Amino acid sequence: MVLTAWWLETHTLGEAFVVTTAPTGPQVSAVLWREIERMHRKAKLRGRVNVGMRPEWYVNKELIAYGRKPADYGAVGSL
């Protein structure tokens, strides 16, 4: 959460983008993005943060970060 905010705030708009992930959807929105939103609000950072089904951070109309979970099924590392 701290690195996400730092990265986005130290780069010019359009030069940085962040994708966050966690093992489950609830962990992405209820844990990680809840904390990102809390930090965003307390530090009065630019843009707006959406928490919930589509965790996203926008500055003006530009999407600069979002959260997602990995696919439920997939062949990770299989040969």
PDB file of N, CA and C in Angstrom:
ATOM      1  N   MET A   1       0.821  -1.174   0.000  1.00  0.00           N
ATOM      2  CA  MET A   1       0.000   0.000   0.000  1.00  0.00           C
ATOM      3  C   MET A   1       0.874   1.249   0.000  1.00  0.00           C
ATOM      4  N   VAL A   2       1.877   1.274   0.821  1.00  0.00           N
ATOM      5  CA  VAL A   2       2.762   2.436   0.876  1.00  0.00           C
ATOM      6  C   VAL A   2       3.526   2.600  -0.432  1.00  0.00           C
ATOM      7  N   LEU A   3       4.025   1.500  -0.970  1.00  0.00           N
ATOM      8  CA  LEU A   3       4.761   1.580  -2.239  1.00  0.00           C
ATOM      9  C   LEU A   3       3.869   2.022  -3.387  1.00  0.00           C
ATOM     10  N   THR A   4       2.619   1.577  -3.399  1.00  0.00           N
ATOM     11  CA  THR A   4       1.676   2.004  -4.439  1.00  0.00           C
ATOM     12  C   THR A   4       1.507   3.515  -4.403  1.00  0.00           C
ATOM     13  N   ALA A   5       1.222   4.058  -3.235  1.00  0.00           N
ATOM     14  CA  ALA A   5       1.029   5.501  -3.100  1.00  0.00           C
ATOM     15  C   ALA A   5       2.305   6.259  -3.439  1.00  0.00           C
ATOM     16  N   TRP A   6       3.441   5.788  -2.932  1.00  0.00           N
ATOM     17  CA  TRP A   6       4.714   6.461  -3.205  1.00  0.00           C
ATOM     18  C   TRP A   6       5.010   6.482  -4.705  1.00  0.00           C
ATOM     19  N   TRP A   7       4.879   5.335  -5.358  1.00  0.00           N
ATOM     20  CA  TRP A   7       5.188   5.231  -6.788  1.00  0.00           C
ATOM     21  C   TRP A   7       4.339   6.195  -7.606  1.00  0.00           C
ATOM     22  N   LEU A   8       3.047   6.204  -7.332  1.00  0.00           N
ATOM     23  CA  LEU A   8       2.147   7.050  -8.118  1.00  0.00           C
ATOM     24  C   LEU A   8       2.343   8.537  -7.829  1.00  0.00           C
ATOM     25  N   GLU A   9       2.649   8.867  -6.607  1.00  0.00           N
ATOM     26  CA  GLU A   9       2.812  10.272  -6.240  1.00  0.00           C
ATOM     27  C   GLU A   9       4.165  10.841  -6.632  1.00  0.00           C
ATOM     28  N   THR A  10       5.138   9.998  -6.910  1.00  0.00           N
ATOM     29  CA  THR A  10       6.469  10.499  -7.271  1.00  0.00           C
ATOM     30  C   THR A  10       6.715  10.492  -8.772  1.00  0.00           C
ATOM     31  N   HIS A  11       5.709  10.123  -9.534  1.00  0.00           N
ATOM     32  CA  HIS A  11       5.839  10.112 -10.988  1.00  0.00           C
ATOM     33  C   HIS A  11       4.812  11.051 -11.620  1.00  0.00           C
ATOM     34  N   THR A  12       5.185  11.619 -12.730  1.00  0.00           N
ATOM     35  CA  THR A  12       4.287  12.474 -13.489  1.00  0.00           C
ATOM     36  C   THR A  12       3.105  11.647 -13.987  1.00  0.00           C
ATOM     37  N   LEU A  13       1.935  12.252 -13.991  1.00  0.00           N
ATOM     38  CA  LEU A  13       0.741  11.571 -14.474  1.00  0.00           C
ATOM     39  C   LEU A  13       0.988  11.021 -15.873  1.00  0.00           C
ATOM     40  N   GLY A  14       0.714   9.759 -16.080  1.00  0.00           N
ATOM     41  CA  GLY A  14       0.914   9.111 -17.364  1.00  0.00           C
ATOM     42  C   GLY A  14       2.210   8.318 -17.457  1.00  0.00           C
ATOM     43  N   GLU A  15       3.102   8.492 -16.486  1.00  0.00           N
ATOM     44  CA  GLU A  15       4.382   7.784 -16.504  1.00  0.00           C
ATOM     45  C   GLU A  15       4.422   6.566 -15.578  1.00  0.00           C
ATOM     46  N   ALA A  16       3.424   6.413 -14.724  1.00  0.00           N
ATOM     47  CA  ALA A  16       3.421   5.296 -13.775  1.00  0.00           C
ATOM     48  C   ALA A  16       2.046   4.634 -13.764  1.00  0.00           C
ATOM     49  N   PHE A  17       2.050   3.326 -13.563  1.00  0.00           N
ATOM     50  CA  PHE A  17       0.816   2.559 -13.452  1.00  0.00           C
ATOM     51  C   PHE A  17       1.082   1.412 -12.492  1.00  0.00           C
ATOM     52  N   VAL A  18       0.104   1.099 -11.643  1.00  0.00           N
ATOM     53  CA  VAL A  18       0.276   0.036 -10.654  1.00  0.00           C
ATOM     54  C   VAL A  18      -0.870  -0.958 -10.767  1.00  0.00           C
ATOM     55  N   VAL A  19      -0.522  -2.235 -10.761  1.00  0.00           N
ATOM     56  CA  VAL A  19      -1.502  -3.310 -10.658  1.00  0.00           C
ATOM     57  C   VAL A  19      -1.191  -4.049  -9.365  1.00  0.00           C
ATOM     58  N   THR A  20      -2.175  -4.123  -8.486  1.00  0.00           N
ATOM     59  CA  THR A  20      -1.988  -4.842  -7.228  1.00  0.00           C
ATOM     60  C   THR A  20      -2.735  -6.166  -7.319  1.00  0.00           C
ATOM     61  N   THR A  21      -2.295  -7.125  -6.501  1.00  0.00           N
ATOM     62  CA  THR A  21      -2.939  -8.425  -6.509  1.00  0.00           C
ATOM     63  C   THR A  21      -2.897  -9.041  -5.117  1.00  0.00           C
ATOM     64  N   ALA A  22      -3.799  -9.952  -4.886  1.00  0.00           N
ATOM     65  CA  ALA A  22      -3.864 -10.745  -3.662  1.00  0.00           C
ATOM     66  C   ALA A  22      -4.526 -12.067  -4.047  1.00  0.00           C
ATOM     67  N   PRO A  23      -4.403 -13.095  -3.214  1.00  0.00           N
ATOM     68  CA  PRO A  23      -4.933 -14.408  -3.588  1.00  0.00           C
ATOM     69  C   PRO A  23      -6.437 -14.460  -3.844  1.00  0.00           C
ATOM     70  N   THR A  24      -7.232 -13.628  -3.149  1.00  0.00           N
ATOM     71  CA  THR A  24      -8.682 -13.662  -3.338  1.00  0.00           C
ATOM     72  C   THR A  24      -9.219 -12.257  -3.575  1.00  0.00           C
ATOM     73  N   GLY A  25     -10.407 -12.182  -4.187  1.00  0.00           N
ATOM     74  CA  GLY A  25     -11.059 -10.899  -4.406  1.00  0.00           C
ATOM     75  C   GLY A  25     -11.295 -10.122  -3.120  1.00  0.00           C
ATOM     76  N   PRO A  26     -11.823 -10.788  -2.057  1.00  0.00           N
ATOM     77  CA  PRO A  26     -12.016 -10.060  -0.805  1.00  0.00           C
ATOM     78  C   PRO A  26     -10.716  -9.509  -0.218  1.00  0.00           C
ATOM     79  N   GLN A  27      -9.612 -10.222  -0.390  1.00  0.00           N
ATOM     80  CA  GLN A  27      -8.341  -9.701   0.107  1.00  0.00           C
ATOM     81  C   GLN A  27      -7.901  -8.476  -0.679  1.00  0.00           C
ATOM     82  N   VAL A  28      -8.180  -8.460  -1.973  1.00  0.00           N
ATOM     83  CA  VAL A  28      -7.834  -7.295  -2.793  1.00  0.00           C
ATOM     84  C   VAL A  28      -8.615  -6.078  -2.321  1.00  0.00           C
ATOM     85  N   SER A  29      -9.940  -6.204  -2.227  1.00  0.00           N
ATOM     86  CA  SER A  29     -10.747  -5.029  -1.914  1.00  0.00           C
ATOM     87  C   SER A  29     -10.866  -4.745  -0.424  1.00  0.00           C
ATOM     88  N   ALA A  30     -11.123  -5.758   0.393  1.00  0.00           N
ATOM     89  CA  ALA A  30     -11.386  -5.521   1.816  1.00  0.00           C
ATOM     90  C   ALA A  30     -10.120  -5.312   2.632  1.00  0.00           C
ATOM     91  N   VAL A  31      -8.996  -5.749   2.130  1.00  0.00           N
ATOM     92  CA  VAL A  31      -7.756  -5.582   2.884  1.00  0.00           C
ATOM     93  C   VAL A  31      -6.848  -4.560   2.198  1.00  0.00           C
ATOM     94  N   LEU A  32      -6.323  -4.928   1.037  1.00  0.00           N
ATOM     95  CA  LEU A  32      -5.327  -4.086   0.372  1.00  0.00           C
ATOM     96  C   LEU A  32      -5.890  -2.724  -0.034  1.00  0.00           C
ATOM     97  N   TRP A  33      -6.988  -2.710  -0.785  1.00  0.00           N
ATOM     98  CA  TRP A  33      -7.505  -1.435  -1.281  1.00  0.00           C
ATOM     99  C   TRP A  33      -8.208  -0.624  -0.211  1.00  0.00           C
ATOM    100  N   ARG A  34      -8.673  -1.247   0.824  1.00  0.00           N
ATOM    101  CA  ARG A  34      -9.201  -0.499   1.961  1.00  0.00           C
ATOM    102  C   ARG A  34      -8.076   0.334   2.573  1.00  0.00           C
ATOM    103  N   GLU A  35      -6.903  -0.264   2.706  1.00  0.00           N
ATOM    104  CA  GLU A  35      -5.757   0.456   3.256  1.00  0.00           C
ATOM    105  C   GLU A  35      -5.230   1.518   2.291  1.00  0.00           C
ATOM    106  N   ILE A  36      -5.240   1.207   0.991  1.00  0.00           N
ATOM    107  CA  ILE A  36      -4.836   2.214   0.001  1.00  0.00           C
ATOM    108  C   ILE A  36      -5.766   3.417   0.078  1.00  0.00           C
ATOM    109  N   GLU A  37      -7.061   3.170   0.159  1.00  0.00           N
ATOM    110  CA  GLU A  37      -8.031   4.268   0.243  1.00  0.00           C
ATOM    111  C   GLU A  37      -7.831   5.069   1.522  1.00  0.00           C
ATOM    112  N   ARG A  38      -7.563   4.402   2.631  1.00  0.00           N
ATOM    113  CA  ARG A  38      -7.337   5.081   3.905  1.00  0.00           C
ATOM    114  C   ARG A  38      -6.105   5.997   3.815  1.00  0.00           C
ATOM    115  N   MET A  39      -5.020   5.475   3.245  1.00  0.00           N
ATOM    116  CA  MET A  39      -3.812   6.285   3.098  1.00  0.00           C
ATOM    117  C   MET A  39      -4.063   7.459   2.150  1.00  0.00           C
ATOM    118  N   HIS A  40      -4.761   7.196   1.050  1.00  0.00           N
ATOM    119  CA  HIS A  40      -5.092   8.234   0.074  1.00  0.00           C
ATOM    120  C   HIS A  40      -5.842   9.377   0.740  1.00  0.00           C
ATOM    121  N   ARG A  41      -6.823   9.033   1.547  1.00  0.00           N
ATOM    122  CA  ARG A  41      -7.640  10.044   2.228  1.00  0.00           C
ATOM    123  C   ARG A  41      -6.828  10.812   3.269  1.00  0.00           C
ATOM    124  N   LYS A  42      -6.097  10.115   4.117  1.00  0.00           N
ATOM    125  CA  LYS A  42      -5.335  10.769   5.186  1.00  0.00           C
ATOM    126  C   LYS A  42      -4.221  11.666   4.647  1.00  0.00           C
ATOM    127  N   ALA A  43      -3.559  11.216   3.588  1.00  0.00           N
ATOM    128  CA  ALA A  43      -2.452  11.993   3.019  1.00  0.00           C
ATOM    129  C   ALA A  43      -2.934  13.029   2.014  1.00  0.00           C
ATOM    130  N   LYS A  44      -4.234  13.036   1.719  1.00  0.00           N
ATOM    131  CA  LYS A  44      -4.820  13.972   0.758  1.00  0.00           C
ATOM    132  C   LYS A  44      -4.100  13.898  -0.586  1.00  0.00           C
ATOM    133  N   LEU A  45      -3.985  12.660  -1.076  1.00  0.00           N
ATOM    134  CA  LEU A  45      -3.323  12.426  -2.355  1.00  0.00           C
ATOM    135  C   LEU A  45      -4.246  12.792  -3.499  1.00  0.00           C
ATOM    136  N   ARG A  46      -3.675  12.936  -4.672  1.00  0.00           N
ATOM    137  CA  ARG A  46      -4.451  13.356  -5.846  1.00  0.00           C
ATOM    138  C   ARG A  46      -5.387  12.244  -6.322  1.00  0.00           C
ATOM    139  N   GLY A  47      -6.430  12.661  -7.028  1.00  0.00           N
ATOM    140  CA  GLY A  47      -7.357  11.720  -7.641  1.00  0.00           C
ATOM    141  C   GLY A  47      -8.379  11.164  -6.678  1.00  0.00           C
ATOM    142  N   ARG A  48      -9.000  10.052  -7.116  1.00  0.00           N
ATOM    143  CA  ARG A  48     -10.008   9.386  -6.296  1.00  0.00           C
ATOM    144  C   ARG A  48      -9.768   7.877  -6.324  1.00  0.00           C
ATOM    145  N   VAL A  49     -10.092   7.237  -5.224  1.00  0.00           N
ATOM    146  CA  VAL A  49      -9.914   5.797  -5.091  1.00  0.00           C
ATOM    147  C   VAL A  49     -11.276   5.155  -4.902  1.00  0.00           C
ATOM    148  N   ASN A  50     -11.550   4.114  -5.687  1.00  0.00           N
ATOM    149  CA  ASN A  50     -12.758   3.314  -5.548  1.00  0.00           C
ATOM    150  C   ASN A  50     -12.383   1.998  -4.876  1.00  0.00           C
ATOM    151  N   VAL A  51     -13.141   1.615  -3.879  1.00  0.00           N
ATOM    152  CA  VAL A  51     -12.937   0.341  -3.198  1.00  0.00           C
ATOM    153  C   VAL A  51     -14.201  -0.482  -3.402  1.00  0.00           C
ATOM    154  N   GLY A  52     -14.057  -1.770  -3.533  1.00  0.00           N
ATOM    155  CA  GLY A  52     -15.217  -2.632  -3.720  1.00  0.00           C
ATOM    156  C   GLY A  52     -14.953  -3.622  -4.827  1.00  0.00           C
ATOM    157  N   MET A  53     -15.964  -3.874  -5.637  1.00  0.00           N
ATOM    158  CA  MET A  53     -15.852  -4.861  -6.704  1.00  0.00           C
ATOM    159  C   MET A  53     -14.782  -4.489  -7.729  1.00  0.00           C
ATOM    160  N   ARG A  54     -14.570  -3.200  -7.947  1.00  0.00           N
ATOM    161  CA  ARG A  54     -13.563  -2.739  -8.909  1.00  0.00           C
ATOM    162  C   ARG A  54     -12.639  -1.741  -8.235  1.00  0.00           C
ATOM    163  N   PRO A  55     -11.655  -2.220  -7.474  1.00  0.00           N
ATOM    164  CA  PRO A  55     -10.744  -1.289  -6.822  1.00  0.00           C
ATOM    165  C   PRO A  55      -9.861  -0.572  -7.846  1.00  0.00           C
ATOM    166  N   GLU A  56      -9.987   0.749  -7.891  1.00  0.00           N
ATOM    167  CA  GLU A  56      -9.278   1.543  -8.895  1.00  0.00           C
ATOM    168  C   GLU A  56      -8.889   2.892  -8.312  1.00  0.00           C
ATOM    169  N   TRP A  57      -7.859   3.488  -8.900  1.00  0.00           N
ATOM    170  CA  TRP A  57      -7.408   4.832  -8.530  1.00  0.00           C
ATOM    171  C   TRP A  57      -7.341   5.633  -9.820  1.00  0.00           C
ATOM    172  N   TYR A  58      -8.089   6.720  -9.846  1.00  0.00           N
ATOM    173  CA  TYR A  58      -8.116   7.616 -11.004  1.00  0.00           C
ATOM    174  C   TYR A  58      -7.584   8.985 -10.623  1.00  0.00           C
ATOM    175  N   VAL A  59      -6.892   9.607 -11.551  1.00  0.00           N
ATOM    176  CA  VAL A  59      -6.572  11.031 -11.463  1.00  0.00           C
ATOM    177  C   VAL A  59      -7.202  11.639 -12.705  1.00  0.00           C
ATOM    178  N   ASN A  60      -8.114  12.571 -12.479  1.00  0.00           N
ATOM    179  CA  ASN A  60      -8.973  13.082 -13.546  1.00  0.00           C
ATOM    180  C   ASN A  60      -9.688  11.881 -14.153  1.00  0.00           C
ATOM    181  N   LYS A  61      -9.544  11.628 -15.427  1.00  0.00           N
ATOM    182  CA  LYS A  61     -10.190  10.456 -16.043  1.00  0.00           C
ATOM    183  C   LYS A  61      -9.194   9.350 -16.347  1.00  0.00           C
ATOM    184  N   GLU A  62      -7.960   9.509 -15.884  1.00  0.00           N
ATOM    185  CA  GLU A  62      -6.922   8.520 -16.182  1.00  0.00           C
ATOM    186  C   GLU A  62      -6.805   7.484 -15.057  1.00  0.00           C
ATOM    187  N   LEU A  63      -6.950   6.234 -15.432  1.00  0.00           N
ATOM    188  CA  LEU A  63      -6.763   5.127 -14.494  1.00  0.00           C
ATOM    189  C   LEU A  63      -5.272   4.970 -14.248  1.00  0.00           C
ATOM    190  N   ILE A  64      -4.845   5.060 -12.978  1.00  0.00           N
ATOM    191  CA  ILE A  64      -3.418   4.941 -12.676  1.00  0.00           C
ATOM    192  C   ILE A  64      -3.091   3.700 -11.843  1.00  0.00           C
ATOM    193  N   ALA A  65      -4.121   3.036 -11.295  1.00  0.00           N
ATOM    194  CA  ALA A  65      -3.880   1.808 -10.531  1.00  0.00           C
ATOM    195  C   ALA A  65      -5.180   1.029 -10.410  1.00  0.00           C
ATOM    196  N   TYR A  66      -5.048  -0.276 -10.313  1.00  0.00           N
ATOM    197  CA  TYR A  66      -6.214  -1.100 -10.015  1.00  0.00           C
ATOM    198  C   TYR A  66      -5.778  -2.388  -9.331  1.00  0.00           C
ATOM    199  N   GLY A  67      -6.747  -3.029  -8.699  1.00  0.00           N
ATOM    200  CA  GLY A  67      -6.487  -4.283  -8.005  1.00  0.00           C
ATOM    201  C   GLY A  67      -7.232  -5.425  -8.653  1.00  0.00           C
ATOM    202  N   ARG A  68      -6.611  -6.592  -8.624  1.00  0.00           N
ATOM    203  CA  ARG A  68      -7.256  -7.780  -9.173  1.00  0.00           C
ATOM    204  C   ARG A  68      -6.728  -9.006  -8.457  1.00  0.00           C
ATOM    205  N   LYS A  69      -7.445 -10.099  -8.628  1.00  0.00           N
ATOM    206  CA  LYS A  69      -6.980 -11.377  -8.105  1.00  0.00           C
ATOM    207  C   LYS A  69      -6.610 -12.270  -9.275  1.00  0.00           C
ATOM    208  N   PRO A  70      -5.753 -13.244  -9.054  1.00  0.00           N
ATOM    209  CA  PRO A  70      -5.413 -14.170 -10.139  1.00  0.00           C
ATOM    210  C   PRO A  70      -6.617 -15.020 -10.528  1.00  0.00           C
ATOM    211  N   ALA A  71      -6.577 -15.613 -11.695  1.00  0.00           N
ATOM    212  CA  ALA A  71      -7.637 -16.516 -12.136  1.00  0.00           C
ATOM    213  C   ALA A  71      -7.771 -17.677 -11.157  1.00  0.00           C
ATOM    214  N   ASP A  72      -8.991 -18.170 -11.001  1.00  0.00           N
ATOM    215  CA  ASP A  72      -9.217 -19.296 -10.090  1.00  0.00           C
ATOM    216  C   ASP A  72      -8.550 -20.569 -10.563  1.00  0.00           C
ATOM    217  N   TYR A  73      -8.526 -20.772 -11.874  1.00  0.00           N
ATOM    218  CA  TYR A  73      -7.948 -21.998 -12.421  1.00  0.00           C
ATOM    219  C   TYR A  73      -6.946 -21.622 -13.488  1.00  0.00           C
ATOM    220  N   GLY A  74      -5.892 -22.390 -13.567  1.00  0.00           N
ATOM    221  CA  GLY A  74      -4.891 -22.141 -14.591  1.00  0.00           C
ATOM    222  C   GLY A  74      -3.700 -23.033 -14.371  1.00  0.00           C
ATOM    223  N   ALA A  75      -2.980 -23.229 -15.421  1.00  0.00           N
ATOM    224  CA  ALA A  75      -1.791 -24.076 -15.367  1.00  0.00           C
ATOM    225  C   ALA A  75      -0.590 -23.197 -15.082  1.00  0.00           C
ATOM    226  N   VAL A  76      -0.315 -22.999 -13.821  1.00  0.00           N
ATOM    227  CA  VAL A  76       0.836 -22.190 -13.425  1.00  0.00           C
ATOM    228  C   VAL A  76       2.040 -23.101 -13.274  1.00  0.00           C
ATOM    229  N   GLY A  77       3.043 -22.865 -14.080  1.00  0.00           N
ATOM    230  CA  GLY A  77       4.269 -23.627 -13.964  1.00  0.00           C
ATOM    231  C   GLY A  77       4.199 -25.048 -14.501  1.00  0.00           C
ATOM    232  N   SER A  78       3.112 -25.408 -15.163  1.00  0.00           N
ATOM    233  CA  SER A  78       3.043 -26.776 -15.691  1.00  0.00           C
ATOM    234  C   SER A  78       3.744 -26.846 -17.046  1.00  0.00           C
ATOM    235  N   LEU A  79       4.283 -28.000 -17.336  1.00  0.00           N
ATOM    236  CA  LEU A  79       4.993 -28.197 -18.586  1.00  0.00           C
ATOM    237  C   LEU A  79       4.162 -28.941 -19.590  1.00  0.00           C
TER     238      LEU A  79
END
